[in-house]
């Protein structure tokens, strides 16, 4: 993901993770949710290596990614 989109989407992603943690905790499933997040963090380096290979072979503009997510350029 280009840096500009990371800056835009990262706070939203973190907010959603926090919201989901609160929701699962209220249902007494917070530990399960937390373990799932920790497992995803452990696998992150492998995913990033695979992602780098794919991204080196594909190029697209930030505008096309933005539009594919339903956002319109004003």
Protein backbone atom coordinates (compact mmCIF):
# COMPACT_ATOMS: atom_id res chain seq x y z
CA UNK A 1 0.00 0.00 0.00
CA UNK A 2 1.38 3.42 -0.84
CA UNK A 3 2.40 5.52 2.16
CA UNK A 4 -0.35 8.09 1.59
CA UNK A 5 -3.07 5.44 1.77
CA UNK A 6 -1.43 3.84 4.79
CA UNK A 7 -1.57 7.18 6.60
CA UNK A 8 -5.26 7.52 5.69
CA UNK A 9 -6.41 3.99 6.49
CA UNK A 10 -4.23 3.02 9.47
CA UNK A 11 -6.16 5.09 12.07
CA UNK A 12 -9.43 3.63 10.77
CA UNK A 13 -8.02 0.10 10.99
CA UNK A 14 -6.70 0.62 14.52
CA UNK A 15 -10.02 2.13 15.59
CA UNK A 16 -11.93 -0.86 14.22
CA UNK A 17 -9.58 -3.27 16.00
CA UNK A 18 -10.15 -1.42 19.27
CA UNK A 19 -13.93 -1.44 18.72
CA UNK A 20 -13.86 -5.18 18.00
CA UNK A 21 -11.72 -5.83 21.09
CA UNK A 22 -14.28 -3.99 23.24
CA UNK A 23 -17.16 -5.92 21.65
CA UNK A 24 -15.50 -9.31 22.09
CA UNK A 25 -14.48 -8.42 25.65
CA UNK A 26 -18.09 -7.62 26.52
CA UNK A 27 -18.97 -11.14 25.33
CA UNK A 28 -16.15 -12.63 27.40
CA UNK A 29 -14.20 -13.46 24.21
CA UNK A 30 -11.53 -10.77 24.52
CA UNK A 31 -8.73 -13.29 25.12
CA UNK A 32 -9.64 -15.20 21.97
CA UNK A 33 -9.66 -11.99 19.93
CA UNK A 34 -6.33 -10.90 21.41
CA UNK A 35 -4.74 -14.29 20.60
CA UNK A 36 -5.99 -14.00 17.01
CA UNK A 37 -4.41 -10.55 16.70
CA UNK A 38 -1.13 -11.82 18.16
CA UNK A 39 -1.11 -14.74 15.70
CA UNK A 40 -1.58 -12.33 12.82
CA UNK A 41 1.29 -10.17 14.12
CA UNK A 42 3.55 -13.26 14.30
CA UNK A 43 2.78 -14.09 10.66
CA UNK A 44 3.23 -10.51 9.47
CA UNK A 45 6.88 -10.82 8.28
CA UNK A 46 6.04 -13.80 6.03
CA UNK A 47 3.02 -12.00 4.60
CA UNK A 48 5.09 -8.87 3.92
CA UNK A 49 7.76 -10.88 2.04
CA UNK A 50 5.07 -12.46 -0.17
CA UNK A 51 3.37 -9.10 -0.62
CA UNK A 52 6.62 -7.45 -1.70
CA UNK A 53 7.02 -10.03 -4.49
CA UNK A 54 3.50 -9.36 -5.75
CA UNK A 55 3.79 -5.59 -5.48
CA UNK A 56 7.09 -5.53 -7.35
CA UNK A 57 5.25 -6.97 -10.34
CA UNK A 58 2.16 -4.75 -10.16
CA UNK A 59 1.96 -1.00 -10.43
CA UNK A 60 -1.10 1.16 -10.00
CA UNK A 61 -1.86 4.73 -9.05
CA UNK A 62 -3.12 5.91 -5.69
CA UNK A 63 -6.12 7.40 -7.49
CA UNK A 64 -7.18 4.04 -8.94
CA UNK A 65 -6.90 2.36 -5.51
CA UNK A 66 -8.86 5.22 -3.92
CA UNK A 67 -11.61 4.93 -6.56
CA UNK A 68 -11.79 1.14 -6.26
CA UNK A 69 -12.67 1.64 -2.58
CA UNK A 70 -15.70 3.71 -3.57
CA UNK A 71 -14.13 7.11 -2.95
CA UNK A 72 -14.58 9.88 -5.47
CA UNK A 73 -12.01 12.52 -6.34
CA UNK A 74 -13.53 15.97 -5.91
